[in-house]
C-alpha atoms as a PDB file:
ATOM      1  CA  UNK A   1     145.549  72.564 -82.993  1.00  0.00           C
ATOM      2  CA  UNK A   2     143.060  70.140 -83.661  1.00  0.00           C
ATOM      3  CA  UNK A   3     144.783  68.058 -79.684  1.00  0.00           C
ATOM      4  CA  UNK A   4     144.655  71.224 -78.034  1.00  0.00           C
ATOM      5  CA  UNK A   5     141.225  72.154 -79.192  1.00  0.00           C
ATOM      6  CA  UNK A   6     140.301  68.682 -77.615  1.00  0.00           C
ATOM      7  CA  UNK A   7     142.628  69.148 -74.737  1.00  0.00           C
ATOM      8  CA  UNK A   8     141.142  72.713 -73.723  1.00  0.00           C
ATOM      9  CA  UNK A   9     137.551  71.044 -74.177  1.00  0.00           C
ATOM     10  CA  UNK A  10     138.148  68.305 -71.993  1.00  0.00           C
ATOM     11  CA  UNK A  11     139.852  70.318 -69.539  1.00  0.00           C
ATOM     12  CA  UNK A  12     136.763  72.787 -69.054  1.00  0.00           C
ATOM     13  CA  UNK A  13     134.401  69.909 -68.921  1.00  0.00           C
ATOM     14  CA  UNK A  14     136.677  67.972 -66.057  1.00  0.00           C
ATOM     15  CA  UNK A  15     136.524  71.667 -64.101  1.00  0.00           C
ATOM     16  CA  UNK A  16     133.154  73.300 -65.127  1.00  0.00           C
ATOM     17  CA  UNK A  17     131.010  71.564 -62.705  1.00  0.00           C
ATOM     18  CA  UNK A  18     133.201  72.981 -59.902  1.00  0.00           C
ATOM     19  CA  UNK A  19     132.062  76.228 -60.651  1.00  0.00           C
ATOM     20  CA  UNK A  20     128.236  75.228 -60.922  1.00  0.00           C
ATOM     21  CA  UNK A  21     125.349  75.309 -59.130  1.00  0.00           C
ATOM     22  CA  UNK A  22     123.291  71.954 -59.359  1.00  0.00           C
ATOM     23  CA  UNK A  23     120.898  72.855 -61.915  1.00  0.00           C
ATOM     24  CA  UNK A  24     124.057  73.683 -64.246  1.00  0.00           C
ATOM     25  CA  UNK A  25     125.605  70.422 -63.253  1.00  0.00           C
ATOM     26  CA  UNK A  26     122.287  68.403 -64.551  1.00  0.00           C
ATOM     27  CA  UNK A  27     122.022  70.876 -67.671  1.00  0.00           C
ATOM     28  CA  UNK A  28     125.719  69.309 -67.882  1.00  0.00           C
ATOM     29  CA  UNK A  29     125.125  66.066 -67.317  1.00  0.00           C
ATOM     30  CA  UNK A  30     121.943  66.486 -70.021  1.00  0.00           C
ATOM     31  CA  UNK A  31     124.720  67.095 -72.671  1.00  0.00           C
ATOM     32  CA  UNK A  32     126.513  63.968 -72.360  1.00  0.00           C
ATOM     33  CA  UNK A  33     123.640  61.956 -72.294  1.00  0.00           C
ATOM     34  CA  UNK A  34     122.185  63.307 -75.033  1.00  0.00           C
ATOM     35  CA  UNK A  35     125.276  63.575 -77.216  1.00  0.00           C
ATOM     36  CA  UNK A  36     125.527  59.816 -76.783  1.00  0.00           C
ATOM     37  CA  UNK A  37     121.883  59.488 -78.609  1.00  0.00           C
ATOM     38  CA  UNK A  38     123.388  62.547 -81.443  1.00  0.00           C
ATOM     39  CA  UNK A  39     126.087  59.760 -81.712  1.00  0.00           C
ATOM     40  CA  UNK A  40     124.176  56.748 -82.729  1.00  0.00           C
ATOM     41  CA  UNK A  41     121.919  59.257 -84.919  1.00  0.00           C
ATOM     42  CA  UNK A  42     124.869  60.440 -86.831  1.00  0.00           C
ATOM     43  CA  UNK A  43     126.141  56.739 -87.582  1.00  0.00           C
ATOM     44  CA  UNK A  44     122.628  55.881 -88.756  1.00  0.00           C
ATOM     45  CA  UNK A  45     121.816  59.465 -90.644  1.00  0.00           C
ATOM     46  CA  UNK A  46     125.420  60.628 -91.256  1.00  0.00           C
ATOM     47  CA  UNK A  47     127.467  58.222 -91.756  1.00  0.00           C
ATOM     48  CA  UNK A  48     125.383  55.792 -93.309  1.00  0.00           C
ATOM     49  CA  UNK A  49     122.718  57.844 -95.072  1.00  0.00           C
ATOM     50  CA  UNK A  50     119.933  56.428 -93.462  1.00  0.00           C
ATOM     51  CA  UNK A  51     117.143  58.613 -92.411  1.00  0.00           C
ATOM     52  CA  UNK A  52     115.540  58.659 -88.811  1.00  0.00           C
ATOM     53  CA  UNK A  53     113.066  60.146 -86.896  1.00  0.00           C
ATOM     54  CA  UNK A  54     112.807  57.202 -84.287  1.00  0.00           C
ATOM     55  CA  UNK A  55     115.486  57.830 -82.159  1.00  0.00           C
ATOM     56  CA  UNK A  56     113.650  59.571 -79.260  1.00  0.00           C
ATOM     57  CA  UNK A  57     111.929  55.901 -79.023  1.00  0.00           C
ATOM     58  CA  UNK A  58     115.438  54.247 -78.200  1.00  0.00           C
ATOM     59  CA  UNK A  59     116.386  56.887 -75.811  1.00  0.00           C
ATOM     60  CA  UNK A  60     112.930  55.841 -74.454  1.00  0.00           C
ATOM     61  CA  UNK A  61     113.172  52.364 -74.307  1.00  0.00           C
ATOM     62  CA  UNK A  62     116.336  52.569 -72.510  1.00  0.00           C
ATOM     63  CA  UNK A  63     115.216  55.037 -70.356  1.00  0.00           C
ATOM     64  CA  UNK A  64     112.325  52.436 -69.268  1.00  0.00           C
ATOM     65  CA  UNK A  65     114.064  49.563 -69.043  1.00  0.00           C
ATOM     66  CA  UNK A  66     116.112  50.677 -66.317  1.00  0.00           C
ATOM     67  CA  UNK A  67     113.905  52.197 -64.154  1.00  0.00           C
ATOM     68  CA  UNK A  68     111.196  49.585 -64.528  1.00  0.00           C
ATOM     69  CA  UNK A  69     113.751  46.972 -63.747  1.00  0.00           C
ATOM     70  CA  UNK A  70     116.063  49.018 -60.776  1.00  0.00           C
ATOM     71  CA  UNK A  71     112.659  49.837 -59.425  1.00  0.00           C
ATOM     72  CA  UNK A  72     109.976  46.948 -59.208  1.00  0.00           C
ATOM     73  CA  UNK A  73     112.702  44.770 -60.254  1.00  0.00           C
ATOM     74  CA  UNK A  74     115.567  45.736 -57.603  1.00  0.00           C
ATOM     75  CA  UNK A  75     118.178  44.972 -60.110  1.00  0.00           C
ATOM     76  CA  UNK A  76     120.999  46.485 -60.471  1.00  0.00           C
ATOM     77  CA  UNK A  77     122.023  49.309 -62.785  1.00  0.00           C
ATOM     78  CA  UNK A  78     124.429  47.508 -64.885  1.00  0.00           C
ATOM     79  CA  UNK A  79     122.267  44.850 -66.210  1.00  0.00           C
ATOM     80  CA  UNK A  80     119.647  46.979 -67.046  1.00  0.00           C
ATOM     81  CA  UNK A  81     122.942  49.482 -69.428  1.00  0.00           C
ATOM     82  CA  UNK A  82     123.175  46.315 -70.756  1.00  0.00           C
ATOM     83  CA  UNK A  83     119.840  45.335 -71.472  1.00  0.00           C
ATOM     84  CA  UNK A  84     118.517  48.566 -72.322  1.00  0.00           C
ATOM     85  CA  UNK A  85     121.798  48.747 -75.142  1.00  0.00           C
ATOM     86  CA  UNK A  86     120.929  45.209 -76.481  1.00  0.00           C
ATOM     87  CA  UNK A  87     116.758  45.690 -76.281  1.00  0.00           C
ATOM     88  CA  UNK A  88     117.575  48.646 -78.865  1.00  0.00           C
ATOM     89  CA  UNK A  89     119.953  46.870 -81.264  1.00  0.00           C
ATOM     90  CA  UNK A  90     117.150  44.460 -81.828  1.00  0.00           C
ATOM     91  CA  UNK A  91     114.343  46.724 -81.816  1.00  0.00           C
ATOM     92  CA  UNK A  92     116.571  48.674 -83.883  1.00  0.00           C
ATOM     93  CA  UNK A  93     117.346  45.626 -86.364  1.00  0.00           C
ATOM     94  CA  UNK A  94     114.319  44.828 -87.726  1.00  0.00           C
ATOM     95  CA  UNK A  95     112.903  48.535 -87.938  1.00  0.00           C
ATOM     96  CA  UNK A  96     116.146  48.773 -90.512  1.00  0.00           C
ATOM     97  CA  UNK A  97     113.948  46.222 -92.880  1.00  0.00           C
ATOM     98  CA  UNK A  98     111.928  48.905 -94.025  1.00  0.00           C
ATOM     99  CA  UNK A  99     115.047  50.847 -95.109  1.00  0.00           C
ATOM    100  CA  UNK A 100     115.689  48.472 -97.610  1.00  0.00           C
ATOM    101  CA  UNK A 101     112.318  48.748 -99.551  1.00  0.00           C
ATOM    102  CA  UNK A 102     112.009  52.402 -98.769  1.00  0.00           C
ATOM    103  CA  UNK A 103     114.539  55.241 -98.224  1.00  0.00           C
ATOM    104  CA  UNK A 104     114.580  59.181 -97.907  1.00  0.00           C
ATOM    105  CA  UNK A 105     111.438  60.517 -97.069  1.00  0.00           C
ATOM    106  CA  UNK A 106     109.862  57.301 -97.090  1.00  0.00           C
ATOM    107  CA  UNK A 107     112.036  56.005 -94.661  1.00  0.00           C
ATOM    108  CA  UNK A 108     111.573  58.906 -92.869  1.00  0.00           C
ATOM    109  CA  UNK A 109     107.577  58.358 -92.000  1.00  0.00           C
ATOM    110  CA  UNK A 110     108.584  54.708 -91.148  1.00  0.00           C
ATOM    111  CA  UNK A 111     110.236  55.515 -87.894  1.00  0.00           C
ATOM    112  CA  UNK A 112     107.813  58.620 -87.920  1.00  0.00           C
ATOM    113  CA  UNK A 113     104.734  56.096 -87.483  1.00  0.00           C
ATOM    114  CA  UNK A 114     107.229  54.164 -85.128  1.00  0.00           C
ATOM    115  CA  UNK A 115     108.228  56.983 -82.528  1.00  0.00           C
ATOM    116  CA  UNK A 116     104.401  57.898 -82.232  1.00  0.00           C
ATOM    117  CA  UNK A 117     103.802  54.011 -81.921  1.00  0.00           C
ATOM    118  CA  UNK A 118     105.912  53.785 -78.646  1.00  0.00           C
ATOM    119  CA  UNK A 119     104.897  57.321 -77.244  1.00  0.00           C
ATOM    120  CA  UNK A 120     101.496  55.468 -77.583  1.00  0.00           C
ATOM    121  CA  UNK A 121     102.161  52.756 -75.688  1.00  0.00           C
ATOM    122  CA  UNK A 122     104.508  54.205 -73.095  1.00  0.00           C
ATOM    123  CA  UNK A 123     101.106  56.837 -72.229  1.00  0.00           C
ATOM    124  CA  UNK A 124      98.788  54.552 -72.536  1.00  0.00           C
ATOM    125  CA  UNK A 125      99.728  51.135 -71.105  1.00  0.00           C
ATOM    126  CA  UNK A 126      99.806  51.466 -67.295  1.00  0.00           C
ATOM    127  CA  UNK A 127     100.200  47.731 -66.408  1.00  0.00           C
ATOM    128  CA  UNK A 128     103.834  48.325 -68.439  1.00  0.00           C
ATOM    129  CA  UNK A 129     105.304  51.833 -68.222  1.00  0.00           C
ATOM    130  CA  UNK A 130     102.743  52.853 -65.239  1.00  0.00           C
ATOM    131  CA  UNK A 131     101.422  55.504 -67.802  1.00  0.00           C
ATOM    132  CA  UNK A 132     101.195  59.736 -67.420  1.00  0.00           C
ATOM    133  CA  UNK A 133     102.529  58.854 -63.982  1.00  0.00           C
ATOM    134  CA  UNK A 134     105.727  57.464 -65.066  1.00  0.00           C
ATOM    135  CA  UNK A 135     107.806  55.482 -62.734  1.00  0.00           C
ATOM    136  CA  UNK A 136     109.934  57.678 -59.936  1.00  0.00           C
ATOM    137  CA  UNK A 137     112.426  57.201 -57.433  1.00  0.00           C
ATOM    138  CA  UNK A 138     115.011  55.565 -59.691  1.00  0.00           C
ATOM    139  CA  UNK A 139     118.233  55.140 -57.811  1.00  0.00           C
ATOM    140  CA  UNK A 140     121.607  56.236 -59.445  1.00  0.00           C
ATOM    141  CA  UNK A 141     124.039  53.046 -59.342  1.00  0.00           C
ATOM    142  CA  UNK A 142     127.308  52.499 -57.492  1.00  0.00           C
ATOM    143  CA  UNK A 143     130.283  52.418 -59.439  1.00  0.00           C
ATOM    144  CA  UNK A 144     133.559  49.823 -57.218  1.00  0.00           C
ATOM    145  CA  UNK A 145     131.458  50.881 -54.366  1.00  0.00           C
ATOM    146  CA  UNK A 146     131.080  54.594 -54.863  1.00  0.00           C
ATOM    147  CA  UNK A 147     128.010  55.910 -54.922  1.00  0.00           C
ATOM    148  CA  UNK A 148     127.069  58.544 -57.672  1.00  0.00           C
ATOM    149  CA  UNK A 149     124.009  59.733 -55.845  1.00  0.00           C
ATOM    150  CA  UNK A 150     125.632  63.771 -55.811  1.00  0.00           C
ATOM    151  CA  UNK A 151     125.114  65.283 -59.012  1.00  0.00           C
ATOM    152  CA  UNK A 152     128.398  65.993 -59.805  1.00  0.00           C
ATOM    153  CA  UNK A 153     129.372  62.722 -59.355  1.00  0.00           C
ATOM    154  CA  UNK A 154     126.892  61.309 -61.459  1.00  0.00           C
ATOM    155  CA  UNK A 155     127.688  64.397 -64.219  1.00  0.00           C
ATOM    156  CA  UNK A 156     131.321  62.613 -64.135  1.00  0.00           C
ATOM    157  CA  UNK A 157     129.908  59.042 -64.373  1.00  0.00           C
ATOM    158  CA  UNK A 158     128.020  60.511 -67.538  1.00  0.00           C
ATOM    159  CA  UNK A 159     131.481  62.391 -69.283  1.00  0.00           C
ATOM    160  CA  UNK A 160     132.911  58.516 -68.943  1.00  0.00           C
ATOM    161  CA  UNK A 161     129.647  57.041 -70.663  1.00  0.00           C
ATOM    162  CA  UNK A 162     130.416  60.309 -72.950  1.00  0.00           C
ATOM    163  CA  UNK A 163     134.138  58.935 -73.659  1.00  0.00           C
ATOM    164  CA  UNK A 164     133.617  55.605 -73.480  1.00  0.00           C
ATOM    165  CA  UNK A 165     131.003  55.879 -76.514  1.00  0.00           C
ATOM    166  CA  UNK A 166     132.794  58.239 -78.255  1.00  0.00           C
ATOM    167  CA  UNK A 167     136.562  55.888 -79.066  1.00  0.00           C
ATOM    168  CA  UNK A 168     133.793  52.929 -79.705  1.00  0.00           C
ATOM    169  CA  UNK A 169     132.628  55.076 -82.723  1.00  0.00           C
ATOM    170  CA  UNK A 170     136.005  56.032 -83.334  1.00  0.00           C
ATOM    171  CA  UNK A 171     137.283  52.898 -83.889  1.00  0.00           C
ATOM    172  CA  UNK A 172     133.850  51.778 -85.931  1.00  0.00           C
ATOM    173  CA  UNK A 173     134.019  55.080 -87.935  1.00  0.00           C
ATOM    174  CA  UNK A 174     137.768  53.920 -89.180  1.00  0.00           C
ATOM    175  CA  UNK A 175     136.767  50.169 -89.386  1.00  0.00           C
ATOM    176  CA  UNK A 176     135.772  48.517 -92.550  1.00  0.00           C
ATOM    177  CA  UNK A 177     132.105  48.492 -90.973  1.00  0.00           C
ATOM    178  CA  UNK A 178     132.261  52.298 -90.532  1.00  0.00           C
ATOM    179  CA  UNK A 179     133.550  52.574 -94.443  1.00  0.00           C
ATOM    180  CA  UNK A 180     130.692  50.315 -95.727  1.00  0.00           C
ATOM    181  CA  UNK A 181     128.750  52.888 -94.370  1.00  0.00           C
ATOM    182  CA  UNK A 182     129.893  55.316 -96.534  1.00  0.00           C
ATOM    183  CA  UNK A 183     129.833  53.634 -99.589  1.00  0.00           C
ATOM    184  CA  UNK A 184     126.526  52.471 -98.856  1.00  0.00           C
ATOM    185  CA  UNK A 185     125.192  55.671 -98.247  1.00  0.00           C
ATOM    186  CA  UNK A 186     127.023  57.599-101.070  1.00  0.00           C
ATOM    187  CA  UNK A 187     126.541  55.039-103.773  1.00  0.00           C
ATOM    188  CA  UNK A 188     124.843  51.901-103.171  1.00  0.00           C
ATOM    189  CA  UNK A 189     123.945  50.110-106.202  1.00  0.00           C
ATOM    190  CA  UNK A 190     128.052  50.711-106.268  1.00  0.00           C
ATOM    191  CA  UNK A 191     128.613  49.090-103.455  1.00  0.00           C
ATOM    192  CA  UNK A 192     126.693  46.850-103.754  1.00  0.00           C
ATOM    193  CA  UNK A 193     128.642  45.606-107.581  1.00  0.00           C
ATOM    194  CA  UNK A 194     132.296  46.329-105.594  1.00  0.00           C
ATOM    195  CA  UNK A 195     130.820  43.151-102.947  1.00  0.00           C
ATOM    196  CA  UNK A 196     129.676  44.904 -99.935  1.00  0.00           C
ATOM    197  CA  UNK A 197     126.756  43.667 -98.513  1.00  0.00           C
ATOM    198  CA  UNK A 198     124.602  46.655 -98.180  1.00  0.00           C
ATOM    199  CA  UNK A 199     121.216  44.793 -96.831  1.00  0.00           C
ATOM    200  CA  UNK A 200     123.828  43.561 -93.736  1.00  0.00           C
ATOM    201  CA  UNK A 201     124.957  47.262 -92.957  1.00  0.00           C
ATOM    202  CA  UNK A 202     122.223  48.950 -93.318  1.00  0.00           C
ATOM    203  CA  UNK A 203     120.909  47.144 -90.827  1.00  0.00           C
ATOM    204  CA  UNK A 204     123.730  47.258 -88.874  1.00  0.00           C
ATOM    205  CA  UNK A 205     124.120  51.206 -89.379  1.00  0.00           C
ATOM    206  CA  UNK A 206     119.791  50.983 -87.902  1.00  0.00           C
ATOM    207  CA  UNK A 207     120.413  48.749 -84.993  1.00  0.00           C
ATOM    208  CA  UNK A 208     123.709  50.618 -83.464  1.00  0.00           C
ATOM    209  CA  UNK A 209     122.469  53.895 -83.659  1.00  0.00           C
ATOM    210  CA  UNK A 210     119.817  52.110 -82.170  1.00  0.00           C
ATOM    211  CA  UNK A 211     121.267  50.460 -78.963  1.00  0.00           C
ATOM    212  CA  UNK A 212     123.281  53.886 -78.359  1.00  0.00           C
ATOM    213  CA  UNK A 213     119.987  55.183 -78.023  1.00  0.00           C
ATOM    214  CA  UNK A 214     119.623  52.663 -75.419  1.00  0.00           C
ATOM    215  CA  UNK A 215     122.466  53.645 -73.562  1.00  0.00           C
ATOM    216  CA  UNK A 216     121.541  57.410 -73.593  1.00  0.00           C
ATOM    217  CA  UNK A 217     118.569  56.319 -72.053  1.00  0.00           C
ATOM    218  CA  UNK A 218     119.763  54.201 -69.563  1.00  0.00           C
ATOM    219  CA  UNK A 219     121.503  57.036 -68.000  1.00  0.00           C
ATOM    220  CA  UNK A 220     118.542  59.217 -68.609  1.00  0.00           C
ATOM    221  CA  UNK A 221     116.340  57.571 -66.059  1.00  0.00           C
ATOM    222  CA  UNK A 222     118.972  58.114 -62.901  1.00  0.00           C
ATOM    223  CA  UNK A 223     120.288  61.326 -63.866  1.00  0.00           C
ATOM    224  CA  UNK A 224     116.321  62.718 -63.909  1.00  0.00           C
ATOM    225  CA  UNK A 225     115.303  59.859 -61.340  1.00  0.00           C
ATOM    226  CA  UNK A 226     111.693  60.330 -62.594  1.00  0.00           C
ATOM    227  CA  UNK A 227     110.904  59.069 -66.525  1.00  0.00           C
ATOM    228  CA  UNK A 228     107.176  59.278 -68.022  1.00  0.00           C
ATOM    229  CA  UNK A 229     106.180  59.008 -71.772  1.00  0.00           C
ATOM    230  CA  UNK A 230     106.079  62.867 -72.292  1.00  0.00           C
ATOM    231  CA  UNK A 231     109.901  63.328 -72.998  1.00  0.00           C
ATOM    232  CA  UNK A 232     110.216  60.959 -75.455  1.00  0.00           C
ATOM    233  CA  UNK A 233     107.970  62.009 -78.224  1.00  0.00           C
ATOM    234  CA  UNK A 234     108.140  63.174 -81.502  1.00  0.00           C
ATOM    235  CA  UNK A 235     109.659  66.745 -80.186  1.00  0.00           C
ATOM    236  CA  UNK A 236     113.001  64.619 -78.805  1.00  0.00           C
ATOM    237  CA  UNK A 237     113.400  63.113 -82.303  1.00  0.00           C
ATOM    238  CA  UNK A 238     113.580  66.262 -83.956  1.00  0.00           C
ATOM    239  CA  UNK A 239     115.967  67.990 -81.401  1.00  0.00           C
ATOM    240  CA  UNK A 240     118.195  65.124 -81.958  1.00  0.00           C
ATOM    241  CA  UNK A 241     117.901  65.233 -85.612  1.00  0.00           C
ATOM    242  CA  UNK A 242     119.039  69.092 -84.893  1.00  0.00           C
ATOM    243  CA  UNK A 243     122.108  68.013 -82.908  1.00  0.00           C
ATOM    244  CA  UNK A 244     123.254  66.290 -86.038  1.00  0.00           C
ATOM    245  CA  UNK A 245     122.579  67.926 -88.843  1.00  0.00           C
ATOM    246  CA  UNK A 246     123.447  71.485 -87.159  1.00  0.00           C
ATOM    247  CA  UNK A 247     126.467  70.068 -85.867  1.00  0.00           C
ATOM    248  CA  UNK A 248     127.676  68.930 -88.911  1.00  0.00           C
ATOM    249  CA  UNK A 249     126.090  65.713 -90.261  1.00  0.00           C
ATOM    250  CA  UNK A 250     128.883  62.952 -91.321  1.00  0.00           C
ATOM    251  CA  UNK A 251     131.719  64.677 -88.923  1.00  0.00           C
ATOM    252  CA  UNK A 252     132.299  62.954 -85.778  1.00  0.00           C
ATOM    253  CA  UNK A 253     132.533  65.505 -83.512  1.00  0.00           C
ATOM    254  CA  UNK A 254     128.306  67.158 -84.861  1.00  0.00           C
ATOM    255  CA  UNK A 255     127.503  65.734 -82.561  1.00  0.00           C
ATOM    256  CA  UNK A 256     129.055  67.244 -79.532  1.00  0.00           C
ATOM    257  CA  UNK A 257     128.729  70.902 -80.828  1.00  0.00           C
ATOM    258  CA  UNK A 258     125.306  70.433 -81.986  1.00  0.00           C
ATOM    259  CA  UNK A 259     124.118  69.518 -78.571  1.00  0.00           C
ATOM    260  CA  UNK A 260     126.110  72.413 -77.142  1.00  0.00           C
ATOM    261  CA  UNK A 261     123.648  74.524 -79.723  1.00  0.00           C
ATOM    262  CA  UNK A 262     120.422  72.532 -78.844  1.00  0.00           C
ATOM    263  CA  UNK A 263     121.157  71.846 -75.010  1.00  0.00           C
ATOM    264  CA  UNK A 264     123.327  74.104 -73.948  1.00  0.00           C
ATOM    265  CA  UNK A 265     122.668  77.402 -75.948  1.00  0.00           C
ATOM    266  CA  UNK A 266     118.629  78.024 -75.003  1.00  0.00           C
ATOM    267  CA  UNK A 267     120.034  77.597 -71.532  1.00  0.00           C
ATOM    268  CA  UNK A 268     122.335  80.182 -71.725  1.00  0.00           C
ATOM    269  CA  UNK A 269     120.233  82.567 -73.633  1.00  0.00           C
ATOM    270  CA  UNK A 270     117.650  82.523 -70.775  1.00  0.00           C
ATOM    271  CA  UNK A 271     118.773  86.459 -69.720  1.00  0.00           C
ATOM    272  CA  UNK A 272     116.736  87.310 -72.889  1.00  0.00           C
ATOM    273  CA  UNK A 273     113.518  86.295 -71.230  1.00  0.00           C
ATOM    274  CA  UNK A 274     110.703  86.003 -73.311  1.00  0.00           C
ATOM    275  CA  UNK A 275     112.651  86.103 -76.154  1.00  0.00           C
ATOM    276  CA  UNK A 276     115.680  83.650 -75.504  1.00  0.00           C
ATOM    277  CA  UNK A 277     113.504  80.931 -77.901  1.00  0.00           C
ATOM    278  CA  UNK A 278     112.538  83.515 -80.534  1.00  0.00           C
ATOM    279  CA  UNK A 279     116.523  84.450 -81.306  1.00  0.00           C
ATOM    280  CA  UNK A 280     117.362  80.354 -80.799  1.00  0.00           C
ATOM    281  CA  UNK A 281     114.748  79.329 -83.578  1.00  0.00           C
ATOM    282  CA  UNK A 282     116.322  82.616 -85.986  1.00  0.00           C
ATOM    283  CA  UNK A 283     119.551  81.617 -85.643  1.00  0.00           C
ATOM    284  CA  UNK A 284     118.475  78.168 -86.434  1.00  0.00           C
ATOM    285  CA  UNK A 285     117.210  78.612 -89.799  1.00  0.00           C
ATOM    286  CA  UNK A 286     119.522  81.472 -90.639  1.00  0.00           C
ATOM    287  CA  UNK A 287     122.044  78.525 -89.656  1.00  0.00           C
ATOM    288  CA  UNK A 288     120.167  75.780 -91.981  1.00  0.00           C
ATOM    289  CA  UNK A 289     119.398  78.334 -94.993  1.00  0.00           C
ATOM    290  CA  UNK A 290     123.233  79.781 -95.273  1.00  0.00           C
ATOM    291  CA  UNK A 291     125.495  76.786 -93.649  1.00  0.00           C
ATOM    292  CA  UNK A 292     123.348  73.834 -94.241  1.00  0.00           C
ATOM    293  CA  UNK A 293     126.248  71.397 -93.515  1.00  0.00           C
ATOM    294  CA  UNK A 294     126.832  72.714 -90.479  1.00  0.00           C
ATOM    295  CA  UNK A 295     129.334  74.724 -88.586  1.00  0.00           C
ATOM    296  CA  UNK A 296     131.750  72.157 -88.744  1.00  0.00           C
ATOM    297  CA  UNK A 297     131.239  71.953 -92.659  1.00  0.00           C
ATOM    298  CA  UNK A 298     131.429  75.269 -92.646  1.00  0.00           C
ATOM    299  CA  UNK A 299     134.746  75.305 -90.453  1.00  0.00           C
ATOM    300  CA  UNK A 300     136.308  73.214 -92.937  1.00  0.00           C
ATOM    301  CA  UNK A 301     135.340  75.362 -96.188  1.00  0.00           C
ATOM    302  CA  UNK A 302     136.650  78.402 -94.352  1.00  0.00           C
ATOM    303  CA  UNK A 303     139.964  76.070 -93.470  1.00  0.00           C
ATOM    304  CA  UNK A 304     140.043  75.106 -97.438  1.00  0.00           C
ATOM    305  CA  UNK A 305     139.904  78.599 -98.750  1.00  0.00           C
END
């Protein structure tokens, strides 16, 4: 049954752009890009149990690295893609050190402060980021000589990246590293007594999650073709956290479902005009009040019954 649902969802994602207008294709592309960032946060929060409110900062770093180097440095896309991941991985590794000393809401405050710091740098350091004016005309890449300038072509490119990241995350979760992440989340003292290097795995969880945020940003820049500080404020970090928690923290497909609720559902509710945001907010509050394990947690509980 699960394989059939996956096949149906895959077929829908492949066919859906054929009947959509450019804005609909853009929203689907944004869903794929944000899902990659949410997968990274799910590794940090859902599997390693480390609360982070800095994912928007990593998306922003990846976006600015790609935008700046492809426009001002005339770099090709792929080196900036790799550099976006590597730079965010390195910053995430450094940011992971406070996680070794503080936990829970104290760690959330540390990552919140980091997100605010990065946002202020994006906004005020015009020599580096062009400030509030942003970086425009970010080019879209080519793949094997095939141009990805069209909206539909770039959507399939984003979807291919999502598939690649998902397969890598699937392998990681089922590897000894993934099991170590879960051990650190469940009981770090017991994990340490069993020989798990909790220090290294905590840093690794932060770094990998941050690196996936950088990949998301590297795709975000050519998708929108304009990068400015506003999208990378705290609101995006909270929205990504909502995707993970609402979909099901610690469930592999939680970010996919959560991104549908956070990215696509508000667009589907626009027919309600000014009331759609109110309805969306009420839906989220009801979900968190009665099903705090998220949609996949609710489905798992119903299947067990």
